[in-house]
Structure formats: C-alpha cells, structure tokens
C-alpha cells in the first residue's frame, strides 16, 4: 500500500518547525492510525501502544529541528514510534517476569494481536503458528501484512534496510508455512 502524503507533510513540518502547533496537530491526525498500528504490533497491548505512539509524537515534535528538510516524514516518525514501542515492550516484559517470579500469573484477559486481528475458528492454526514464530519473524509479518506497511515503512519501523525486510519476510513466511504444515499433519 503506497500512501502519498509527503508534499502536504513537508508544508506542515515547516509550519510546525516555526512553532505552529496546529500544523503539528494535523501531522499527528494524519499519522496517528499507522503509528498506533506499528506500536501495537511491537507492544502487543493497546494501552501501551497508545502511550508509545503519544510519547513518540512528543519526541518527534522535540526532534523536528533535527529532521532533514525534504526527507519523507512517515519513515522517520515510524522509526521513533517503533523505538518507543520496543522500549515499552521490554519494560512490560520485565514487569511480567517480576509478576511470575512473585507467584502471580500476570495480567489476565489481554488479547494477543493474533486474537484481535485473525479471528475465528478457521484461523486458529494460523494464530498458533504465528505465535510460535520468533519475535523478528512475527514483527515483520505483522507490520507487512496486518499493519499494512510498505517494505520501506517496515524497514524504517524495524531499523533495517528494505532488502532485509524482503529477506526476513520471505524467510518468516516459509517458517510460517512449515509450522502450519507440521501441525496439519
């Protein structure tokens, strides 16, 4: 999916750099849905993803003076979102580990991304197979196919080159096929 919003983004970025808060608000509105999706894929928790996206927008606002004029905004912004989401996911994992060590089961009732995105009995095998993939495979598949990001946007969100996204996607899809075939047999 190719989204052509950059020319308007350029004008809004320049206005925001000059202190126009309304221009930055427009940028937030334009990109908040994809920012949330990227954060959700990496955090696997809606509340954490929302906070990660909000914090990322604040960091982006503070970093606007360092943003290279004429560069595409969306990959730059999604990199900030992904970094913030990863930091939150790591912190959340540490908290869950603490709960387990304390003898509690952790937070109950939280649906995984697989349960939220891929519903229905017919897709149970797919959900289970995706859940068995390692984090790198799961992240690239979710960003590409469920968050509907382009290869370039996925590369920016993961902090890798587009060619790496292609190879990781290919390998992740092959491992997913193998998982599904093994469980079907």
N, C-alpha and C. Protein backbone atom coordinates (compact mmCIF):
# COMPACT_ATOMS: atom_id res chain seq x y z
N UNK A 1 0.84 -1.17 0.00
CA UNK A 1 0.00 0.00 0.00
C UNK A 1 0.89 1.23 0.00
N UNK A 2 0.79 2.07 -0.99
CA UNK A 2 1.58 3.28 -1.09
C UNK A 2 0.72 4.47 -0.75
N UNK A 3 1.14 5.23 0.25
CA UNK A 3 0.39 6.40 0.67
C UNK A 3 1.20 7.64 0.31
N UNK A 4 0.65 8.45 -0.54
CA UNK A 4 1.36 9.66 -0.97
C UNK A 4 0.84 10.86 -0.19
N UNK A 5 1.51 11.16 0.91
CA UNK A 5 1.10 12.30 1.73
C UNK A 5 2.26 13.26 1.95
N UNK A 6 3.40 12.95 1.41
CA UNK A 6 4.60 13.72 1.71
C UNK A 6 4.55 15.20 1.33
N UNK A 7 4.04 15.60 0.15
CA UNK A 7 4.05 17.03 -0.16
C UNK A 7 3.34 17.86 0.90
N UNK A 8 2.17 17.39 1.35
CA UNK A 8 1.47 18.13 2.39
C UNK A 8 2.23 18.04 3.71
N UNK A 9 2.84 16.88 3.98
CA UNK A 9 3.63 16.73 5.20
C UNK A 9 4.77 17.74 5.22
N UNK A 10 5.43 17.96 4.09
CA UNK A 10 6.54 18.90 4.03
C UNK A 10 6.11 20.29 4.49
N UNK A 11 4.97 20.74 3.99
CA UNK A 11 4.47 22.07 4.35
C UNK A 11 4.11 22.12 5.84
N UNK A 12 3.47 21.06 6.32
CA UNK A 12 3.09 21.03 7.74
C UNK A 12 4.32 20.98 8.64
N UNK A 13 5.33 20.21 8.24
CA UNK A 13 6.57 20.13 9.03
C UNK A 13 7.21 21.51 9.13
N UNK A 14 7.29 22.21 8.01
CA UNK A 14 7.90 23.55 8.03
C UNK A 14 7.13 24.50 8.92
N UNK A 15 5.81 24.44 8.85
CA UNK A 15 4.98 25.29 9.72
C UNK A 15 5.18 24.91 11.18
N UNK A 16 5.24 23.61 11.46
CA UNK A 16 5.44 23.15 12.84
C UNK A 16 6.81 23.57 13.36
N UNK A 17 7.81 23.55 12.52
CA UNK A 17 9.16 23.99 12.92
C UNK A 17 9.17 25.45 13.33
N UNK A 18 8.27 26.23 12.72
CA UNK A 18 8.19 27.66 13.04
C UNK A 18 7.28 27.91 14.24
N UNK A 19 6.83 26.83 14.89
CA UNK A 19 6.06 26.98 16.11
C UNK A 19 4.55 26.88 15.94
N UNK A 20 4.09 26.50 14.77
CA UNK A 20 2.65 26.38 14.51
C UNK A 20 2.15 25.05 15.08
N UNK A 21 1.56 25.11 16.28
CA UNK A 21 1.08 23.90 16.95
C UNK A 21 -0.04 23.24 16.14
N UNK A 22 -0.87 24.01 15.48
CA UNK A 22 -1.96 23.44 14.68
C UNK A 22 -1.41 22.59 13.54
N UNK A 23 -0.30 22.99 12.97
CA UNK A 23 0.31 22.22 11.88
C UNK A 23 0.79 20.87 12.42
N UNK A 24 1.40 20.86 13.60
CA UNK A 24 1.84 19.59 14.16
C UNK A 24 0.65 18.72 14.53
N UNK A 25 -0.41 19.33 15.02
CA UNK A 25 -1.63 18.56 15.32
C UNK A 25 -2.16 17.88 14.05
N UNK A 26 -2.09 18.58 12.93
CA UNK A 26 -2.53 17.97 11.66
C UNK A 26 -1.64 16.78 11.29
N UNK A 27 -0.35 16.90 11.54
CA UNK A 27 0.56 15.78 11.28
C UNK A 27 0.19 14.58 12.16
N UNK A 28 -0.11 14.86 13.42
CA UNK A 28 -0.50 13.79 14.34
C UNK A 28 -1.75 13.10 13.83
N UNK A 29 -2.75 13.88 13.45
CA UNK A 29 -4.00 13.30 12.95
C UNK A 29 -3.75 12.45 11.71
N UNK A 30 -2.90 12.92 10.81
CA UNK A 30 -2.62 12.20 9.56
C UNK A 30 -1.92 10.87 9.81
N UNK A 31 -1.10 10.80 10.85
CA UNK A 31 -0.25 9.62 11.04
C UNK A 31 -0.57 8.82 12.31
N UNK A 32 -1.55 9.21 13.08
CA UNK A 32 -1.78 8.52 14.36
C UNK A 32 -2.26 7.09 14.18
N UNK A 33 -3.03 6.81 13.17
CA UNK A 33 -3.53 5.43 12.99
C UNK A 33 -2.39 4.47 12.69
N UNK A 34 -1.52 4.83 11.75
CA UNK A 34 -0.41 3.94 11.42
C UNK A 34 0.59 3.88 12.58
N UNK A 35 0.76 4.98 13.30
CA UNK A 35 1.65 4.98 14.46
C UNK A 35 1.14 4.01 15.52
N UNK A 36 -0.17 4.04 15.76
CA UNK A 36 -0.75 3.12 16.73
C UNK A 36 -0.57 1.67 16.28
N UNK A 37 -0.82 1.40 14.99
CA UNK A 37 -0.70 0.02 14.50
C UNK A 37 0.72 -0.50 14.67
N UNK A 38 1.69 0.33 14.32
CA UNK A 38 3.10 -0.08 14.47
C UNK A 38 3.40 -0.33 15.95
N UNK A 39 2.99 0.57 16.81
CA UNK A 39 3.24 0.42 18.25
C UNK A 39 2.55 -0.81 18.79
N UNK A 40 1.34 -1.08 18.32
CA UNK A 40 0.59 -2.24 18.81
C UNK A 40 1.28 -3.55 18.43
N UNK A 41 1.79 -3.60 17.22
CA UNK A 41 2.48 -4.81 16.78
C UNK A 41 3.68 -5.08 17.68
N UNK A 42 4.35 -4.05 18.08
CA UNK A 42 5.57 -4.22 18.87
C UNK A 42 5.30 -4.36 20.37
N UNK A 43 4.24 -3.71 20.87
CA UNK A 43 3.91 -3.79 22.30
C UNK A 43 2.98 -4.94 22.63
N UNK A 44 2.10 -5.26 21.69
CA UNK A 44 1.06 -6.29 21.87
C UNK A 44 0.09 -5.95 22.99
N UNK A 45 -0.09 -4.66 23.23
CA UNK A 45 -1.03 -4.20 24.25
C UNK A 45 -1.56 -2.84 23.80
N UNK A 46 -2.87 -2.70 23.73
CA UNK A 46 -3.47 -1.48 23.19
C UNK A 46 -3.12 -0.24 24.02
N UNK A 47 -3.19 -0.35 25.33
CA UNK A 47 -2.90 0.81 26.18
C UNK A 47 -1.44 1.22 26.05
N UNK A 48 -0.54 0.24 26.07
CA UNK A 48 0.89 0.54 25.91
C UNK A 48 1.16 1.15 24.53
N UNK A 49 0.50 0.61 23.51
CA UNK A 49 0.70 1.11 22.15
C UNK A 49 0.24 2.56 22.03
N UNK A 50 -0.89 2.87 22.63
CA UNK A 50 -1.40 4.24 22.59
C UNK A 50 -0.43 5.20 23.27
N UNK A 51 0.08 4.80 24.43
CA UNK A 51 1.04 5.65 25.13
C UNK A 51 2.35 5.75 24.36
N UNK A 52 2.79 4.65 23.77
CA UNK A 52 4.03 4.68 22.99
C UNK A 52 3.88 5.64 21.81
N UNK A 53 2.75 5.58 21.12
CA UNK A 53 2.52 6.48 19.98
C UNK A 53 2.50 7.93 20.44
N UNK A 54 1.80 8.20 21.54
CA UNK A 54 1.74 9.58 22.05
C UNK A 54 3.13 10.08 22.43
N UNK A 55 3.88 9.26 23.16
CA UNK A 55 5.23 9.66 23.54
C UNK A 55 6.12 9.85 22.32
N UNK A 56 5.94 9.01 21.32
CA UNK A 56 6.73 9.14 20.09
C UNK A 56 6.41 10.46 19.38
N UNK A 57 5.15 10.85 19.35
CA UNK A 57 4.81 12.14 18.74
C UNK A 57 5.44 13.29 19.51
N UNK A 58 5.48 13.20 20.83
CA UNK A 58 6.13 14.25 21.61
C UNK A 58 7.63 14.30 21.31
N UNK A 59 8.25 13.13 21.22
CA UNK A 59 9.68 13.08 20.88
C UNK A 59 9.92 13.62 19.47
N UNK A 60 9.03 13.28 18.55
CA UNK A 60 9.17 13.79 17.18
C UNK A 60 9.04 15.30 17.16
N UNK A 61 8.12 15.84 17.92
CA UNK A 61 7.95 17.30 17.97
C UNK A 61 9.23 17.97 18.46
N UNK A 62 9.80 17.39 19.52
CA UNK A 62 11.05 17.96 20.06
C UNK A 62 12.21 17.81 19.08
N UNK A 63 12.15 16.77 18.24
CA UNK A 63 13.24 16.49 17.31
C UNK A 63 13.05 17.17 15.95
N UNK A 64 11.94 17.86 15.75
CA UNK A 64 11.70 18.50 14.44
C UNK A 64 12.85 19.37 13.96
N UNK A 65 13.52 20.11 14.83
CA UNK A 65 14.64 20.91 14.33
C UNK A 65 15.76 20.07 13.71
N UNK A 66 15.87 18.81 14.11
CA UNK A 66 16.90 17.92 13.56
C UNK A 66 16.41 17.14 12.35
N UNK A 67 15.13 17.20 12.05
CA UNK A 67 14.58 16.49 10.91
C UNK A 67 15.09 17.13 9.62
N UNK A 68 15.59 16.30 8.70
CA UNK A 68 16.16 16.79 7.45
C UNK A 68 15.05 17.27 6.53
N UNK A 69 15.06 18.54 6.17
CA UNK A 69 14.05 19.12 5.29
C UNK A 69 14.02 18.37 3.96
N UNK A 70 12.82 18.05 3.52
CA UNK A 70 12.64 17.36 2.25
C UNK A 70 12.66 15.85 2.37
N UNK A 71 13.10 15.32 3.52
CA UNK A 71 13.09 13.86 3.73
C UNK A 71 11.66 13.42 4.01
N UNK A 72 11.32 12.17 3.69
CA UNK A 72 9.97 11.70 3.98
C UNK A 72 9.73 11.62 5.49
N UNK A 73 8.63 12.17 5.92
CA UNK A 73 8.32 12.23 7.35
C UNK A 73 7.92 10.87 7.92
N UNK A 74 7.08 10.15 7.20
CA UNK A 74 6.49 8.93 7.76
C UNK A 74 7.52 7.90 8.21
N UNK A 75 8.54 7.55 7.40
CA UNK A 75 9.54 6.58 7.90
C UNK A 75 10.29 7.09 9.13
N UNK A 76 10.60 8.37 9.14
CA UNK A 76 11.30 8.98 10.28
C UNK A 76 10.42 8.87 11.53
N UNK A 77 9.17 9.22 11.38
CA UNK A 77 8.24 9.17 12.51
C UNK A 77 8.02 7.73 12.98
N UNK A 78 7.87 6.80 12.04
CA UNK A 78 7.63 5.41 12.43
C UNK A 78 8.85 4.79 13.11
N UNK A 79 10.03 5.27 12.79
CA UNK A 79 11.23 4.81 13.48
C UNK A 79 11.17 5.22 14.95
N UNK A 80 10.75 6.45 15.20
CA UNK A 80 10.61 6.94 16.57
C UNK A 80 9.54 6.13 17.30
N UNK A 81 8.41 5.89 16.64
CA UNK A 81 7.33 5.11 17.22
C UNK A 81 7.83 3.70 17.56
N UNK A 82 8.50 3.06 16.62
CA UNK A 82 8.98 1.70 16.84
C UNK A 82 9.97 1.63 18.00
N UNK A 83 10.87 2.58 18.08
CA UNK A 83 11.83 2.59 19.19
C UNK A 83 11.12 2.74 20.53
N UNK A 84 10.18 3.66 20.58
CA UNK A 84 9.43 3.87 21.82
C UNK A 84 8.63 2.62 22.19
N UNK A 85 7.99 1.99 21.20
CA UNK A 85 7.19 0.79 21.45
C UNK A 85 8.08 -0.36 21.93
N UNK A 86 9.24 -0.53 21.32
CA UNK A 86 10.15 -1.60 21.75
C UNK A 86 10.60 -1.38 23.19
N UNK A 87 10.90 -0.12 23.53
CA UNK A 87 11.30 0.18 24.90
C UNK A 87 10.19 -0.18 25.88
N UNK A 88 8.96 0.16 25.52
CA UNK A 88 7.81 -0.15 26.39
C UNK A 88 7.59 -1.66 26.47
N UNK A 89 7.74 -2.35 25.35
CA UNK A 89 7.55 -3.80 25.35
C UNK A 89 8.58 -4.48 26.24
N UNK A 90 9.83 -4.00 26.17
CA UNK A 90 10.87 -4.58 27.04
C UNK A 90 10.53 -4.34 28.50
N UNK A 91 10.09 -3.13 28.81
CA UNK A 91 9.73 -2.81 30.20
C UNK A 91 8.55 -3.65 30.66
N UNK A 92 7.58 -3.82 29.78
CA UNK A 92 6.41 -4.64 30.10
C UNK A 92 6.82 -6.09 30.34
N UNK A 93 7.72 -6.59 29.52
CA UNK A 93 8.22 -7.95 29.69
C UNK A 93 8.92 -8.12 31.03
N UNK A 94 9.66 -7.11 31.44
CA UNK A 94 10.33 -7.17 32.74
C UNK A 94 9.29 -7.19 33.86
N UNK A 95 8.22 -6.38 33.70
CA UNK A 95 7.17 -6.36 34.72
C UNK A 95 6.46 -7.72 34.80
N UNK A 96 6.15 -8.32 33.63
CA UNK A 96 5.51 -9.64 33.63
C UNK A 96 6.41 -10.67 34.27
N UNK A 97 7.69 -10.60 33.98
CA UNK A 97 8.63 -11.53 34.60
C UNK A 97 8.65 -11.39 36.10
N UNK A 98 8.55 -10.17 36.58
CA UNK A 98 8.51 -9.93 38.03
C UNK A 98 7.26 -10.55 38.63
N UNK A 99 6.11 -10.36 37.97
CA UNK A 99 4.86 -10.95 38.45
C UNK A 99 4.99 -12.47 38.53
N UNK A 100 5.58 -13.08 37.52
CA UNK A 100 5.74 -14.52 37.52
C UNK A 100 6.63 -14.95 38.68
N UNK A 101 7.73 -14.23 38.88
CA UNK A 101 8.64 -14.57 39.99
C UNK A 101 7.96 -14.39 41.35
N UNK A 102 7.00 -13.45 41.41
CA UNK A 102 6.28 -13.23 42.66
C UNK A 102 5.15 -14.23 42.86
N UNK A 103 4.92 -15.09 41.86
CA UNK A 103 3.91 -16.12 42.00
C UNK A 103 2.56 -15.74 41.43
N UNK A 104 2.47 -14.60 40.79
CA UNK A 104 1.22 -14.19 40.13
C UNK A 104 1.29 -14.56 38.67
N UNK A 105 0.15 -14.70 38.04
CA UNK A 105 0.12 -15.08 36.63
C UNK A 105 0.29 -13.89 35.71
N UNK A 106 0.26 -12.70 36.19
CA UNK A 106 0.35 -11.54 35.30
C UNK A 106 -1.02 -11.01 34.96
N UNK A 107 -1.08 -10.23 33.94
CA UNK A 107 -2.32 -9.56 33.57
C UNK A 107 -3.20 -10.52 32.79
N UNK A 108 -4.39 -10.76 33.28
CA UNK A 108 -5.33 -11.68 32.64
C UNK A 108 -6.21 -10.90 31.67
N UNK A 109 -6.76 -11.62 30.70
CA UNK A 109 -7.78 -11.06 29.83
C UNK A 109 -7.26 -10.18 28.71
N UNK A 110 -5.98 -10.10 28.51
CA UNK A 110 -5.46 -9.29 27.42
C UNK A 110 -5.33 -10.15 26.17
N UNK A 111 -6.01 -9.71 25.13
CA UNK A 111 -5.97 -10.46 23.88
C UNK A 111 -4.66 -10.17 23.15
N UNK A 112 -4.12 -11.20 22.53
CA UNK A 112 -2.91 -11.02 21.74
C UNK A 112 -3.27 -10.41 20.40
N UNK A 113 -2.29 -9.86 19.66
CA UNK A 113 -2.59 -9.33 18.33
C UNK A 113 -3.20 -10.39 17.43
N UNK A 114 -2.72 -11.63 17.58
CA UNK A 114 -3.27 -12.70 16.75
C UNK A 114 -4.76 -12.85 17.00
N UNK A 115 -5.17 -12.82 18.27
CA UNK A 115 -6.58 -12.99 18.61
C UNK A 115 -7.42 -11.82 18.11
N UNK A 116 -6.85 -10.63 18.14
CA UNK A 116 -7.60 -9.46 17.71
C UNK A 116 -7.70 -9.35 16.19
N UNK A 117 -6.63 -9.68 15.49
CA UNK A 117 -6.60 -9.47 14.04
C UNK A 117 -7.12 -10.67 13.27
N UNK A 118 -6.69 -11.83 13.66
CA UNK A 118 -7.06 -13.04 12.92
C UNK A 118 -8.07 -13.80 13.77
N UNK A 119 -9.35 -13.55 13.55
CA UNK A 119 -10.39 -14.16 14.37
C UNK A 119 -10.95 -15.40 13.73
N UNK A 120 -11.71 -16.11 14.54
CA UNK A 120 -12.45 -17.24 14.01
C UNK A 120 -11.76 -18.57 14.20
N UNK A 121 -12.58 -19.58 14.28
CA UNK A 121 -12.11 -20.94 14.47
C UNK A 121 -11.23 -21.43 13.31
N UNK A 122 -11.62 -21.04 12.10
CA UNK A 122 -10.89 -21.48 10.90
C UNK A 122 -9.44 -21.02 10.91
N UNK A 123 -9.16 -19.91 11.57
CA UNK A 123 -7.81 -19.35 11.57
C UNK A 123 -7.01 -19.70 12.82
N UNK A 124 -7.51 -20.62 13.62
CA UNK A 124 -6.80 -20.98 14.85
C UNK A 124 -5.40 -21.51 14.57
N UNK A 125 -5.26 -22.29 13.52
CA UNK A 125 -3.94 -22.83 13.19
C UNK A 125 -2.96 -21.73 12.81
N UNK A 126 -3.46 -20.73 12.08
CA UNK A 126 -2.60 -19.60 11.70
C UNK A 126 -2.17 -18.82 12.94
N UNK A 127 -3.10 -18.54 13.82
CA UNK A 127 -2.76 -17.81 15.05
C UNK A 127 -1.70 -18.57 15.85
N UNK A 128 -1.92 -19.86 16.00
CA UNK A 128 -0.98 -20.66 16.77
C UNK A 128 0.39 -20.69 16.11
N UNK A 129 0.41 -20.83 14.80
CA UNK A 129 1.69 -20.88 14.08
C UNK A 129 2.43 -19.55 14.18
N UNK A 130 1.72 -18.45 14.05
CA UNK A 130 2.36 -17.13 14.18
C UNK A 130 2.91 -16.96 15.59
N UNK A 131 2.15 -17.43 16.58
CA UNK A 131 2.60 -17.34 17.97
C UNK A 131 3.86 -18.11 18.26
N UNK A 132 4.12 -19.16 17.48
CA UNK A 132 5.33 -19.96 17.68
C UNK A 132 6.54 -19.38 16.97
N UNK A 133 6.36 -18.41 16.12
CA UNK A 133 7.50 -17.79 15.43
C UNK A 133 8.29 -16.94 16.41
N UNK A 134 9.55 -16.71 16.10
CA UNK A 134 10.33 -15.83 16.97
C UNK A 134 9.89 -14.38 16.75
N UNK A 135 10.32 -13.49 17.64
CA UNK A 135 9.87 -12.10 17.61
C UNK A 135 10.17 -11.41 16.27
N UNK A 136 11.37 -11.65 15.72
CA UNK A 136 11.72 -10.99 14.45
C UNK A 136 10.78 -11.40 13.33
N UNK A 137 10.48 -12.68 13.24
CA UNK A 137 9.57 -13.17 12.20
C UNK A 137 8.16 -12.61 12.42
N UNK A 138 7.71 -12.68 13.65
CA UNK A 138 6.37 -12.21 13.98
C UNK A 138 6.24 -10.71 13.68
N UNK A 139 7.23 -9.92 14.07
CA UNK A 139 7.18 -8.47 13.85
C UNK A 139 7.10 -8.13 12.37
N UNK A 140 7.95 -8.73 11.56
CA UNK A 140 7.97 -8.38 10.14
C UNK A 140 6.65 -8.78 9.48
N UNK A 141 6.09 -9.93 9.86
CA UNK A 141 4.82 -10.35 9.26
C UNK A 141 3.67 -9.43 9.68
N UNK A 142 3.64 -9.08 10.95
CA UNK A 142 2.56 -8.19 11.40
C UNK A 142 2.66 -6.82 10.76
N UNK A 143 3.85 -6.27 10.70
CA UNK A 143 3.99 -4.94 10.11
C UNK A 143 3.63 -4.94 8.63
N UNK A 144 4.09 -5.95 7.90
CA UNK A 144 3.84 -6.01 6.45
C UNK A 144 2.39 -6.34 6.12
N UNK A 145 1.83 -7.33 6.80
CA UNK A 145 0.54 -7.86 6.37
C UNK A 145 -0.64 -7.43 7.22
N UNK A 146 -0.42 -7.14 8.49
CA UNK A 146 -1.54 -6.76 9.33
C UNK A 146 -1.58 -5.26 9.59
N UNK A 147 -0.43 -4.61 9.72
CA UNK A 147 -0.40 -3.16 9.84
C UNK A 147 -0.38 -2.52 8.46
N UNK A 148 -0.19 -3.33 7.41
CA UNK A 148 -0.25 -2.90 6.01
C UNK A 148 0.78 -1.82 5.68
N UNK A 149 2.00 -2.00 6.19
CA UNK A 149 3.08 -1.07 5.88
C UNK A 149 3.82 -1.54 4.64
N UNK A 150 4.36 -0.59 3.92
CA UNK A 150 5.19 -0.92 2.76
C UNK A 150 6.52 -1.48 3.25
N UNK A 151 7.31 -2.01 2.31
CA UNK A 151 8.63 -2.51 2.71
C UNK A 151 9.48 -1.39 3.29
N UNK A 152 9.43 -0.21 2.68
CA UNK A 152 10.23 0.91 3.17
C UNK A 152 9.78 1.34 4.57
N UNK A 153 8.48 1.38 4.79
CA UNK A 153 7.97 1.77 6.10
C UNK A 153 8.29 0.71 7.15
N UNK A 154 8.20 -0.55 6.77
CA UNK A 154 8.56 -1.63 7.68
C UNK A 154 10.04 -1.55 8.01
N UNK A 155 10.86 -1.27 7.01
CA UNK A 155 12.30 -1.13 7.23
C UNK A 155 12.58 -0.01 8.22
N UNK A 156 11.90 1.11 8.04
CA UNK A 156 12.10 2.24 8.96
C UNK A 156 11.65 1.87 10.37
N UNK A 157 10.52 1.21 10.49
CA UNK A 157 10.00 0.85 11.81
C UNK A 157 10.91 -0.15 12.52
N UNK A 158 11.53 -1.05 11.77
CA UNK A 158 12.40 -2.06 12.36
C UNK A 158 13.86 -1.60 12.45
N UNK A 159 14.18 -0.50 11.79
CA UNK A 159 15.55 -0.01 11.81
C UNK A 159 16.50 -0.85 10.97
N UNK A 160 15.98 -1.38 9.84
CA UNK A 160 16.80 -2.20 8.94
C UNK A 160 16.64 -1.68 7.52
N UNK A 161 17.39 -2.27 6.59
CA UNK A 161 17.29 -1.88 5.18
C UNK A 161 16.10 -2.58 4.53
N UNK A 162 15.53 -1.98 3.46
CA UNK A 162 14.40 -2.61 2.76
C UNK A 162 14.71 -4.02 2.26
N UNK A 163 15.93 -4.26 1.82
CA UNK A 163 16.31 -5.60 1.38
C UNK A 163 16.24 -6.60 2.53
N UNK A 164 16.56 -6.15 3.72
CA UNK A 164 16.47 -7.01 4.90
C UNK A 164 15.02 -7.37 5.18
N UNK A 165 14.12 -6.39 4.98
CA UNK A 165 12.69 -6.66 5.16
C UNK A 165 12.23 -7.73 4.17
N UNK A 166 12.68 -7.62 2.91
CA UNK A 166 12.30 -8.62 1.90
C UNK A 166 12.76 -10.01 2.32
N UNK A 167 14.01 -10.12 2.72
CA UNK A 167 14.54 -11.45 3.06
C UNK A 167 13.90 -11.97 4.35
N UNK A 168 13.71 -11.10 5.35
CA UNK A 168 13.07 -11.55 6.59
C UNK A 168 11.63 -11.98 6.33
N UNK A 169 10.92 -11.24 5.48
CA UNK A 169 9.54 -11.59 5.16
C UNK A 169 9.49 -12.94 4.47
N UNK A 170 10.37 -13.13 3.50
CA UNK A 170 10.39 -14.40 2.78
C UNK A 170 10.68 -15.57 3.72
N UNK A 171 11.68 -15.41 4.56
CA UNK A 171 12.04 -16.48 5.48
C UNK A 171 10.94 -16.71 6.52
N UNK A 172 10.34 -15.62 7.02
CA UNK A 172 9.27 -15.75 8.01
C UNK A 172 8.06 -16.46 7.42
N UNK A 173 7.72 -16.13 6.17
CA UNK A 173 6.60 -16.81 5.51
C UNK A 173 6.89 -18.29 5.32
N UNK A 174 8.13 -18.62 4.98
CA UNK A 174 8.49 -20.03 4.82
C UNK A 174 8.39 -20.77 6.15
N UNK A 175 8.88 -20.14 7.22
CA UNK A 175 8.79 -20.78 8.54
C UNK A 175 7.33 -20.92 8.98
N UNK A 176 6.50 -19.93 8.63
CA UNK A 176 5.08 -20.00 8.96
C UNK A 176 4.41 -21.15 8.21
N UNK A 177 4.72 -21.28 6.92
CA UNK A 177 4.19 -22.41 6.13
C UNK A 177 4.58 -23.74 6.76
N UNK A 178 5.84 -23.85 7.15
CA UNK A 178 6.33 -25.09 7.75
C UNK A 178 5.58 -25.38 9.05
N UNK A 179 5.39 -24.34 9.87
CA UNK A 179 4.65 -24.50 11.14
C UNK A 179 3.24 -25.03 10.87
N UNK A 180 2.57 -24.44 9.90
CA UNK A 180 1.19 -24.82 9.60
C UNK A 180 1.13 -26.23 9.04
N UNK A 181 2.07 -26.57 8.14
CA UNK A 181 2.10 -27.92 7.58
C UNK A 181 2.39 -28.97 8.64
N UNK A 182 3.30 -28.68 9.56
CA UNK A 182 3.62 -29.63 10.61
C UNK A 182 2.43 -29.90 11.51
N UNK A 183 1.66 -28.86 11.79
CA UNK A 183 0.51 -29.02 12.66
C UNK A 183 -0.68 -29.64 11.94
N UNK A 184 -0.73 -29.52 10.62
CA UNK A 184 -1.83 -30.11 9.85
C UNK A 184 -1.62 -31.61 9.70
N UNK A 185 -0.37 -32.03 9.76
CA UNK A 185 -0.07 -33.46 9.55
C UNK A 185 -0.37 -34.30 10.76
